[in-house]
Every structure is written in structure tokens, then in C-alpha cells.
Amino acid sequence: MRLLTAALLLLCIALCLASAEGVKCKCSRKGPKIRFSNVRKLEVKPRYPFCVEEMIIVTLWTRVRGEQQHCLNPKRQSTVRLLKWYRVWKEKGR
């Protein structure tokens, strides 16, 4: 009986971990083209074994829509320019 209980407990833990890992890859759909002036926060998350590419999450603020988060395609030229601009901007202490 103890062996059966332990096996069921391990199975439940494995299922919970498997479902939690799938949640980490947020960027299945890429966001729109953005204006640099609307950027509030930029997060670059590394690749996970279950995500094909790194995740670049941008938090934007506009008067009409408020604060929104978008995923950007790391291979686009505009995203590369945004990353360079953000690093320079942050180094200046803004």
C-alpha cells in the first residue's frame, strides 16, 4: 500500500512540474512594432529547453491603453536596435 501511495505522489509531482515548465515560455506570439519613447521596462529572459529562442518582454505605456506587455522577435532588426538603445539609455542613469 505504501508503494502505491508513493508512486501516485511521484506521478502527481511529475505532472505538476511538467505543466509549470510549459508556462515559462510566454512568447508564443510576437508583439507589434513599438516606439522607443513608450518603453517602461525591458526584460530579456534566457532560452529554456522548451523554448526555441530567448524571450524579450517589453512593458509599454501609452495614455490611451495604459501599461501593456508584449513579446518581441529577437531576430528582427528593430528589436536589436531597441536592445542597444535601452542599454545605452540605462547606462546614462535614466
PDB file of N, CA and C in Angstrom:
ATOM      1  N   MET A   1       0.819  -1.198   0.000  1.00  0.00           N
ATOM      2  CA  MET A   1       0.000   0.000   0.000  1.00  0.00           C
ATOM      3  C   MET A   1       0.863   1.263   0.000  1.00  0.00           C
ATOM      4  N   ARG A   2       1.956   1.240   0.774  1.00  0.00           N
ATOM      5  CA  ARG A   2       2.843   2.407   0.833  1.00  0.00           C
ATOM      6  C   ARG A   2       3.507   2.662  -0.514  1.00  0.00           C
ATOM      7  N   LEU A   3       3.850   1.593  -1.208  1.00  0.00           N
ATOM      8  CA  LEU A   3       4.496   1.718  -2.512  1.00  0.00           C
ATOM      9  C   LEU A   3       3.544   2.359  -3.519  1.00  0.00           C
ATOM     10  N   LEU A   4       2.300   1.970  -3.488  1.00  0.00           N
ATOM     11  CA  LEU A   4       1.301   2.550  -4.378  1.00  0.00           C
ATOM     12  C   LEU A   4       1.087   4.029  -4.077  1.00  0.00           C
ATOM     13  N   THR A   5       1.034   4.404  -2.815  1.00  0.00           N
ATOM     14  CA  THR A   5       0.869   5.801  -2.417  1.00  0.00           C
ATOM     15  C   THR A   5       2.067   6.634  -2.857  1.00  0.00           C
ATOM     16  N   ALA A   6       3.270   6.105  -2.678  1.00  0.00           N
ATOM     17  CA  ALA A   6       4.477   6.814  -3.090  1.00  0.00           C
ATOM     18  C   ALA A   6       4.525   6.993  -4.607  1.00  0.00           C
ATOM     19  N   ALA A   7       4.107   5.970  -5.344  1.00  0.00           N
ATOM     20  CA  ALA A   7       4.101   6.049  -6.807  1.00  0.00           C
ATOM     21  C   ALA A   7       3.103   7.106  -7.285  1.00  0.00           C
ATOM     22  N   LEU A   8       1.933   7.145  -6.681  1.00  0.00           N
ATOM     23  CA  LEU A   8       0.929   8.152  -7.048  1.00  0.00           C
ATOM     24  C   LEU A   8       1.399   9.564  -6.711  1.00  0.00           C
ATOM     25  N   LEU A   9       2.063   9.710  -5.573  1.00  0.00           N
ATOM     26  CA  LEU A   9       2.582  11.014  -5.183  1.00  0.00           C
ATOM     27  C   LEU A   9       3.660  11.494  -6.167  1.00  0.00           C
ATOM     28  N   LEU A  10       4.567  10.602  -6.548  1.00  0.00           N
ATOM     29  CA  LEU A  10       5.593  10.953  -7.538  1.00  0.00           C
ATOM     30  C   LEU A  10       4.979  11.308  -8.885  1.00  0.00           C
ATOM     31  N   LEU A  11       3.937  10.592  -9.280  1.00  0.00           N
ATOM     32  CA  LEU A  11       3.260  10.887 -10.539  1.00  0.00           C
ATOM     33  C   LEU A  11       2.618  12.266 -10.500  1.00  0.00           C
ATOM     34  N   CYS A  12       1.984  12.617  -9.385  1.00  0.00           N
ATOM     35  CA  CYS A  12       1.372  13.951  -9.245  1.00  0.00           C
ATOM     36  C   CYS A  12       2.423  15.049  -9.289  1.00  0.00           C
ATOM     37  N   ILE A  13       3.547  14.836  -8.621  1.00  0.00           N
ATOM     38  CA  ILE A  13       4.623  15.835  -8.627  1.00  0.00           C
ATOM     39  C   ILE A  13       5.181  16.010 -10.038  1.00  0.00           C
ATOM     40  N   ALA A  14       5.375  14.914 -10.749  1.00  0.00           N
ATOM     41  CA  ALA A  14       5.897  14.992 -12.115  1.00  0.00           C
ATOM     42  C   ALA A  14       4.935  15.745 -13.024  1.00  0.00           C
ATOM     43  N   LEU A  15       3.651  15.511 -12.881  1.00  0.00           N
ATOM     44  CA  LEU A  15       2.658  16.217 -13.701  1.00  0.00           C
ATOM     45  C   LEU A  15       2.641  17.708 -13.395  1.00  0.00           C
ATOM     46  N   CYS A  16       2.752  18.058 -12.131  1.00  0.00           N
ATOM     47  CA  CYS A  16       2.773  19.474 -11.752  1.00  0.00           C
ATOM     48  C   CYS A  16       4.001  20.182 -12.308  1.00  0.00           C
ATOM     49  N   LEU A  17       5.157  19.538 -12.234  1.00  0.00           N
ATOM     50  CA  LEU A  17       6.380  20.140 -12.761  1.00  0.00           C
ATOM     51  C   LEU A  17       6.330  20.270 -14.281  1.00  0.00           C
ATOM     52  N   ALA A  18       5.767  19.292 -14.949  1.00  0.00           N
ATOM     53  CA  ALA A  18       5.674  19.347 -16.413  1.00  0.00           C
ATOM     54  C   ALA A  18       4.765  20.485 -16.855  1.00  0.00           C
ATOM     55  N   SER A  19       3.669  20.699 -16.156  1.00  0.00           N
ATOM     56  CA  SER A  19       2.761  21.782 -16.541  1.00  0.00           C
ATOM     57  C   SER A  19       3.357  23.139 -16.197  1.00  0.00           C
ATOM     58  N   ALA A  20       4.146  23.232 -15.132  1.00  0.00           N
ATOM     59  CA  ALA A  20       4.774  24.502 -14.749  1.00  0.00           C
ATOM     60  C   ALA A  20       5.860  24.897 -15.745  1.00  0.00           C
ATOM     61  N   GLU A  21       6.566  23.939 -16.317  1.00  0.00           N
ATOM     62  CA  GLU A  21       7.621  24.249 -17.269  1.00  0.00           C
ATOM     63  C   GLU A  21       7.059  24.836 -18.559  1.00  0.00           C
ATOM     64  N   GLY A  22       5.914  24.386 -18.979  1.00  0.00           N
ATOM     65  CA  GLY A  22       5.304  24.907 -20.197  1.00  0.00           C
ATOM     66  C   GLY A  22       4.869  26.352 -20.061  1.00  0.00           C
ATOM     67  N   VAL A  23       4.627  26.800 -18.847  1.00  0.00           N
ATOM     68  CA  VAL A  23       4.177  28.163 -18.602  1.00  0.00           C
ATOM     69  C   VAL A  23       5.323  29.162 -18.782  1.00  0.00           C
ATOM     70  N   LYS A  24       6.561  28.732 -18.602  1.00  0.00           N
ATOM     71  CA  LYS A  24       7.694  29.643 -18.638  1.00  0.00           C
ATOM     72  C   LYS A  24       7.899  30.272 -20.010  1.00  0.00           C
ATOM     73  N   CYS A  25       7.487  29.614 -21.056  1.00  0.00           N
ATOM     74  CA  CYS A  25       7.664  30.149 -22.398  1.00  0.00           C
ATOM     75  C   CYS A  25       6.438  30.992 -22.750  1.00  0.00           C
ATOM     76  N   LYS A  26       6.509  32.282 -22.468  1.00  0.00           N
ATOM     77  CA  LYS A  26       5.372  33.181 -22.681  1.00  0.00           C
ATOM     78  C   LYS A  26       5.250  33.641 -24.123  1.00  0.00           C
ATOM     79  N   CYS A  27       6.349  33.710 -24.820  1.00  0.00           N
ATOM     80  CA  CYS A  27       6.372  34.356 -26.128  1.00  0.00           C
ATOM     81  C   CYS A  27       6.057  33.402 -27.272  1.00  0.00           C
ATOM     82  N   SER A  28       4.842  32.932 -27.326  1.00  0.00           N
ATOM     83  CA  SER A  28       4.463  32.113 -28.465  1.00  0.00           C
ATOM     84  C   SER A  28       4.024  33.010 -29.621  1.00  0.00           C
ATOM     85  N   ARG A  29       3.564  34.213 -29.301  1.00  0.00           N
ATOM     86  CA  ARG A  29       3.135  35.182 -30.307  1.00  0.00           C
ATOM     87  C   ARG A  29       3.949  36.456 -30.126  1.00  0.00           C
ATOM     88  N   LYS A  30       4.426  37.012 -31.201  1.00  0.00           N
ATOM     89  CA  LYS A  30       5.287  38.195 -31.112  1.00  0.00           C
ATOM     90  C   LYS A  30       4.454  39.466 -31.183  1.00  0.00           C
ATOM     91  N   GLY A  31       4.913  40.488 -30.475  1.00  0.00           N
ATOM     92  CA  GLY A  31       4.188  41.746 -30.366  1.00  0.00           C
ATOM     93  C   GLY A  31       4.385  42.667 -31.556  1.00  0.00           C
ATOM     94  N   PRO A  32       3.777  43.830 -31.502  1.00  0.00           N
ATOM     95  CA  PRO A  32       3.828  44.794 -32.607  1.00  0.00           C
ATOM     96  C   PRO A  32       5.138  45.585 -32.609  1.00  0.00           C
ATOM     97  N   LYS A  33       5.293  46.386 -33.632  1.00  0.00           N
ATOM     98  CA  LYS A  33       6.415  47.317 -33.685  1.00  0.00           C
ATOM     99  C   LYS A  33       6.144  48.407 -32.646  1.00  0.00           C
ATOM    100  N   ILE A  34       7.199  48.844 -31.939  1.00  0.00           N
ATOM    101  CA  ILE A  34       6.977  49.762 -30.830  1.00  0.00           C
ATOM    102  C   ILE A  34       7.795  51.034 -30.989  1.00  0.00           C
ATOM    103  N   ARG A  35       7.408  52.055 -30.246  1.00  0.00           N
ATOM    104  CA  ARG A  35       8.161  53.312 -30.188  1.00  0.00           C
ATOM    105  C   ARG A  35       9.069  53.257 -28.975  1.00  0.00           C
ATOM    106  N   PHE A  36      10.301  53.703 -29.144  1.00  0.00           N
ATOM    107  CA  PHE A  36      11.255  53.673 -28.047  1.00  0.00           C
ATOM    108  C   PHE A  36      10.804  54.540 -26.888  1.00  0.00           C
ATOM    109  N   SER A  37      10.124  55.626 -27.172  1.00  0.00           N
ATOM    110  CA  SER A  37       9.726  56.555 -26.117  1.00  0.00           C
ATOM    111  C   SER A  37       8.657  55.975 -25.190  1.00  0.00           C
ATOM    112  N   ASN A  38       7.941  54.939 -25.627  1.00  0.00           N
ATOM    113  CA  ASN A  38       6.884  54.336 -24.811  1.00  0.00           C
ATOM    114  C   ASN A  38       7.384  53.216 -23.902  1.00  0.00           C
ATOM    115  N   VAL A  39       8.660  52.862 -23.994  1.00  0.00           N
ATOM    116  CA  VAL A  39       9.191  51.727 -23.241  1.00  0.00           C
ATOM    117  C   VAL A  39       9.355  52.099 -21.772  1.00  0.00           C
ATOM    118  N   ARG A  40       8.762  51.315 -20.895  1.00  0.00           N
ATOM    119  CA  ARG A  40       8.914  51.491 -19.454  1.00  0.00           C
ATOM    120  C   ARG A  40       9.936  50.511 -18.897  1.00  0.00           C
ATOM    121  N   LYS A  41       9.873  49.250 -19.360  1.00  0.00           N
ATOM    122  CA  LYS A  41      10.747  48.216 -18.828  1.00  0.00           C
ATOM    123  C   LYS A  41      11.032  47.197 -19.927  1.00  0.00           C
ATOM    124  N   LEU A  42      12.239  46.656 -19.912  1.00  0.00           N
ATOM    125  CA  LEU A  42      12.654  45.664 -20.900  1.00  0.00           C
ATOM    126  C   LEU A  42      13.258  44.487 -20.156  1.00  0.00           C
ATOM    127  N   GLU A  43      12.750  43.291 -20.422  1.00  0.00           N
ATOM    128  CA  GLU A  43      13.266  42.084 -19.784  1.00  0.00           C
ATOM    129  C   GLU A  43      13.746  41.130 -20.866  1.00  0.00           C
ATOM    130  N   VAL A  44      14.960  40.615 -20.693  1.00  0.00           N
ATOM    131  CA  VAL A  44      15.486  39.594 -21.595  1.00  0.00           C
ATOM    132  C   VAL A  44      15.654  38.330 -20.776  1.00  0.00           C
ATOM    133  N   LYS A  45      14.868  37.320 -21.115  1.00  0.00           N
ATOM    134  CA  LYS A  45      14.925  36.056 -20.388  1.00  0.00           C
ATOM    135  C   LYS A  45      15.625  35.024 -21.260  1.00  0.00           C
ATOM    136  N   PRO A  46      16.486  34.206 -20.667  1.00  0.00           N
ATOM    137  CA  PRO A  46      17.253  33.237 -21.458  1.00  0.00           C
ATOM    138  C   PRO A  46      16.385  32.136 -22.047  1.00  0.00           C
ATOM    139  N   ARG A  47      16.985  31.398 -22.975  1.00  0.00           N
ATOM    140  CA  ARG A  47      16.281  30.267 -23.577  1.00  0.00           C
ATOM    141  C   ARG A  47      16.152  29.149 -22.563  1.00  0.00           C
ATOM    142  N   TYR A  48      15.035  28.492 -22.589  1.00  0.00           N
ATOM    143  CA  TYR A  48      14.800  27.317 -21.765  1.00  0.00           C
ATOM    144  C   TYR A  48      14.804  26.109 -22.695  1.00  0.00           C
ATOM    145  N   PRO A  49      14.936  24.922 -22.166  1.00  0.00           N
ATOM    146  CA  PRO A  49      14.924  23.738 -23.041  1.00  0.00           C
ATOM    147  C   PRO A  49      13.635  23.596 -23.846  1.00  0.00           C
ATOM    148  N   PHE A  50      12.536  24.151 -23.354  1.00  0.00           N
ATOM    149  CA  PHE A  50      11.257  24.008 -24.034  1.00  0.00           C
ATOM    150  C   PHE A  50      10.874  25.255 -24.815  1.00  0.00           C
ATOM    151  N   CYS A  51      11.724  26.280 -24.814  1.00  0.00           N
ATOM    152  CA  CYS A  51      11.507  27.477 -25.632  1.00  0.00           C
ATOM    153  C   CYS A  51      12.562  27.511 -26.727  1.00  0.00           C
ATOM    154  N   VAL A  52      12.157  27.817 -27.927  1.00  0.00           N
ATOM    155  CA  VAL A  52      13.065  27.799 -29.064  1.00  0.00           C
ATOM    156  C   VAL A  52      14.072  28.944 -29.001  1.00  0.00           C
ATOM    157  N   GLU A  53      13.639  30.123 -28.614  1.00  0.00           N
ATOM    158  CA  GLU A  53      14.520  31.292 -28.589  1.00  0.00           C
ATOM    159  C   GLU A  53      14.333  32.077 -27.297  1.00  0.00           C
ATOM    160  N   GLU A  54      15.250  33.019 -27.047  1.00  0.00           N
ATOM    161  CA  GLU A  54      15.144  33.813 -25.821  1.00  0.00           C
ATOM    162  C   GLU A  54      13.909  34.703 -25.883  1.00  0.00           C
ATOM    163  N   MET A  55      13.418  35.063 -24.707  1.00  0.00           N
ATOM    164  CA  MET A  55      12.211  35.877 -24.617  1.00  0.00           C
ATOM    165  C   MET A  55      12.597  37.316 -24.331  1.00  0.00           C
ATOM    166  N   ILE A  56      12.093  38.238 -25.131  1.00  0.00           N
ATOM    167  CA  ILE A  56      12.291  39.668 -24.912  1.00  0.00           C
ATOM    168  C   ILE A  56      10.911  40.256 -24.643  1.00  0.00           C
ATOM    169  N   ILE A  57      10.695  40.648 -23.386  1.00  0.00           N
ATOM    170  CA  ILE A  57       9.389  41.160 -22.964  1.00  0.00           C
ATOM    171  C   ILE A  57       9.525  42.645 -22.686  1.00  0.00           C
ATOM    172  N   VAL A  58       8.693  43.437 -23.342  1.00  0.00           N
ATOM    173  CA  VAL A  58       8.726  44.889 -23.224  1.00  0.00           C
ATOM    174  C   VAL A  58       7.433  45.355 -22.565  1.00  0.00           C
ATOM    175  N   THR A  59       7.575  46.229 -21.575  1.00  0.00           N
ATOM    176  CA  THR A  59       6.412  46.852 -20.959  1.00  0.00           C
ATOM    177  C   THR A  59       6.303  48.262 -21.518  1.00  0.00           C
ATOM    178  N   LEU A  60       5.175  48.550 -22.148  1.00  0.00           N
ATOM    179  CA  LEU A  60       4.941  49.851 -22.782  1.00  0.00           C
ATOM    180  C   LEU A  60       3.892  50.626 -22.004  1.00  0.00           C
ATOM    181  N   TRP A  61       3.941  51.939 -22.134  1.00  0.00           N
ATOM    182  CA  TRP A  61       2.922  52.781 -21.532  1.00  0.00           C
ATOM    183  C   TRP A  61       2.453  53.801 -22.554  1.00  0.00           C
ATOM    184  N   THR A  62       1.141  53.862 -22.747  1.00  0.00           N
ATOM    185  CA  THR A  62       0.539  54.891 -23.585  1.00  0.00           C
ATOM    186  C   THR A  62      -0.640  55.486 -22.821  1.00  0.00           C
ATOM    187  N   ARG A  63      -0.994  56.695 -23.178  1.00  0.00           N
ATOM    188  CA  ARG A  63      -2.113  57.341 -22.480  1.00  0.00           C
ATOM    189  C   ARG A  63      -3.430  56.631 -22.741  1.00  0.00           C
ATOM    190  N   VAL A  64      -3.607  56.139 -23.929  1.00  0.00           N
ATOM    191  CA  VAL A  64      -4.879  55.526 -24.289  1.00  0.00           C
ATOM    192  C   VAL A  64      -5.034  54.139 -23.668  1.00  0.00           C
ATOM    193  N   ARG A  65      -4.008  53.302 -23.796  1.00  0.00           N
ATOM    194  CA  ARG A  65      -4.123  51.911 -23.363  1.00  0.00           C
ATOM    195  C   ARG A  65      -3.512  51.628 -22.005  1.00  0.00           C
ATOM    196  N   GLY A  66      -2.752  52.549 -21.470  1.00  0.00           N
ATOM    197  CA  GLY A  66      -2.102  52.305 -20.184  1.00  0.00           C
ATOM    198  C   GLY A  66      -0.867  51.435 -20.350  1.00  0.00           C
ATOM    199  N   GLU A  67      -0.635  50.554 -19.382  1.00  0.00           N
ATOM    200  CA  GLU A  67       0.553  49.710 -19.395  1.00  0.00           C
ATOM    201  C   GLU A  67       0.232  48.356 -20.025  1.00  0.00           C
ATOM    202  N   GLN A  68       1.075  47.937 -20.973  1.00  0.00           N
ATOM    203  CA  GLN A  68       0.886  46.661 -21.660  1.00  0.00           C
ATOM    204  C   GLN A  68       2.216  45.956 -21.817  1.00  0.00           C
ATOM    205  N   GLN A  69       2.175  44.630 -21.849  1.00  0.00           N
ATOM    206  CA  GLN A  69       3.372  43.832 -22.091  1.00  0.00           C
ATOM    207  C   GLN A  69       3.271  43.159 -23.446  1.00  0.00           C
ATOM    208  N   HIS A  70       4.406  43.138 -24.165  1.00  0.00           N
ATOM    209  CA  HIS A  70       4.484  42.491 -25.471  1.00  0.00           C
ATOM    210  C   HIS A  70       5.768  41.697 -25.569  1.00  0.00           C
ATOM    211  N   CYS A  71       5.718  40.636 -26.333  1.00  0.00           N
ATOM    212  CA  CYS A  71       6.917  39.863 -26.651  1.00  0.00           C
ATOM    213  C   CYS A  71       7.424  40.331 -28.002  1.00  0.00           C
ATOM    214  N   LEU A  72       8.743  40.433 -28.118  1.00  0.00           N
ATOM    215  CA  LEU A  72       9.343  40.865 -29.372  1.00  0.00           C
ATOM    216  C   LEU A  72      10.151  39.739 -29.990  1.00  0.00           C
ATOM    217  N   ASN A  73      10.219  39.741 -31.297  1.00  0.00           N
ATOM    218  CA  ASN A  73      11.004  38.755 -32.024  1.00  0.00           C
ATOM    219  C   ASN A  73      12.478  39.140 -31.920  1.00  0.00           C
ATOM    220  N   PRO A  74      13.330  38.292 -31.322  1.00  0.00           N
ATOM    221  CA  PRO A  74      14.735  38.662 -31.137  1.00  0.00           C
ATOM    222  C   PRO A  74      15.538  38.741 -32.429  1.00  0.00           C
ATOM    223  N   LYS A  75      15.003  38.228 -33.523  1.00  0.00           N
ATOM    224  CA  LYS A  75      15.733  38.231 -34.792  1.00  0.00           C
ATOM    225  C   LYS A  75      15.470  39.483 -35.631  1.00  0.00           C
ATOM    226  N   ARG A  76      14.465  40.258 -35.276  1.00  0.00           N
ATOM    227  CA  ARG A  76      14.148  41.463 -36.060  1.00  0.00           C
ATOM    228  C   ARG A  76      15.160  42.566 -35.812  1.00  0.00           C
ATOM    229  N   GLN A  77      15.437  43.331 -36.840  1.00  0.00           N
ATOM    230  CA  GLN A  77      16.402  44.424 -36.740  1.00  0.00           C
ATOM    231  C   GLN A  77      15.921  45.498 -35.760  1.00  0.00           C
ATOM    232  N   SER A  78      14.638  45.758 -35.725  1.00  0.00           N
ATOM    233  CA  SER A  78      14.118  46.781 -34.814  1.00  0.00           C
ATOM    234  C   SER A  78      14.293  46.369 -33.350  1.00  0.00           C
ATOM    235  N   THR A  79      14.190  45.084 -33.056  1.00  0.00           N
ATOM    236  CA  THR A  79      14.403  44.597 -31.692  1.00  0.00           C
ATOM    237  C   THR A  79      15.863  44.726 -31.294  1.00  0.00           C
ATOM    238  N   VAL A  80      16.774  44.424 -32.208  1.00  0.00           N
ATOM    239  CA  VAL A  80      18.209  44.559 -31.932  1.00  0.00           C
ATOM    240  C   VAL A  80      18.547  46.018 -31.644  1.00  0.00           C
ATOM    241  N   ARG A  81      17.980  46.944 -32.442  1.00  0.00           N
ATOM    242  CA  ARG A  81      18.203  48.374 -32.214  1.00  0.00           C
ATOM    243  C   ARG A  81      17.629  48.810 -30.872  1.00  0.00           C
ATOM    244  N   LEU A  82      16.466  48.288 -30.510  1.00  0.00           N
ATOM    245  CA  LEU A  82      15.847  48.616 -29.226  1.00  0.00           C
ATOM    246  C   LEU A  82      16.726  48.157 -28.066  1.00  0.00           C
ATOM    247  N   LEU A  83      17.290  46.962 -28.149  1.00  0.00           N
ATOM    248  CA  LEU A  83      18.165  46.465 -27.088  1.00  0.00           C
ATOM    249  C   LEU A  83      19.394  47.350 -26.919  1.00  0.00           C
ATOM    250  N   LYS A  84      20.000  47.760 -28.030  1.00  0.00           N
ATOM    251  CA  LYS A  84      21.161  48.649 -27.964  1.00  0.00           C
ATOM    252  C   LYS A  84      20.782  49.985 -27.357  1.00  0.00           C
ATOM    253  N   TRP A  85      19.686  50.547 -27.815  1.00  0.00           N
ATOM    254  CA  TRP A  85      19.218  51.842 -27.303  1.00  0.00           C
ATOM    255  C   TRP A  85      18.921  51.768 -25.810  1.00  0.00           C
ATOM    256  N   TYR A  86      18.262  50.697 -25.373  1.00  0.00           N
ATOM    257  CA  TYR A  86      17.884  50.570 -23.962  1.00  0.00           C
ATOM    258  C   TYR A  86      19.110  50.446 -23.073  1.00  0.00           C
ATOM    259  N   ARG A  87      20.109  49.705 -23.517  1.00  0.00           N
ATOM    260  CA  ARG A  87      21.334  49.564 -22.721  1.00  0.00           C
ATOM    261  C   ARG A  87      22.052  50.895 -22.573  1.00  0.00           C
ATOM    262  N   VAL A  88      22.145  51.668 -23.646  1.00  0.00           N
ATOM    263  CA  VAL A  88      22.782  52.981 -23.585  1.00  0.00           C
ATOM    264  C   VAL A  88      21.982  53.909 -22.689  1.00  0.00           C
ATOM    265  N   TRP A  89      20.677  53.903 -22.838  1.00  0.00           N
ATOM    266  CA  TRP A  89      19.788  54.738 -22.050  1.00  0.00           C
ATOM    267  C   TRP A  89      19.902  54.425 -20.568  1.00  0.00           C
ATOM    268  N   LYS A  90      19.995  53.130 -20.242  1.00  0.00           N
ATOM    269  CA  LYS A  90      20.083  52.725 -18.852  1.00  0.00           C
ATOM    270  C   LYS A  90      21.443  53.063 -18.247  1.00  0.00           C
ATOM    271  N   GLU A  91      22.507  53.001 -19.055  1.00  0.00           N
ATOM    272  CA  GLU A  91      23.849  53.347 -18.575  1.00  0.00           C
ATOM    273  C   GLU A  91      23.953  54.834 -18.220  1.00  0.00           C
ATOM    274  N   LYS A  92      23.184  55.651 -18.894  1.00  0.00           N
ATOM    275  CA  LYS A  92      23.208  57.087 -18.608  1.00  0.00           C
ATOM    276  C   LYS A  92      22.501  57.417 -17.298  1.00  0.00           C
ATOM    277  N   GLY A  93      21.850  56.408 -16.704  1.00  0.00           N
ATOM    278  CA  GLY A  93      21.210  56.624 -15.398  1.00  0.00           C
ATOM    279  C   GLY A  93      19.826  57.191 -15.471  1.00  0.00           C
ATOM    280  N   ARG A  94      19.123  56.891 -16.506  1.00  0.00           N
ATOM    281  CA  ARG A  94      17.754  57.405 -16.641  1.00  0.00           C
ATOM    282  C   ARG A  94      16.777  56.514 -15.976  1.00  0.00           C
TER     283      ARG A  94
END
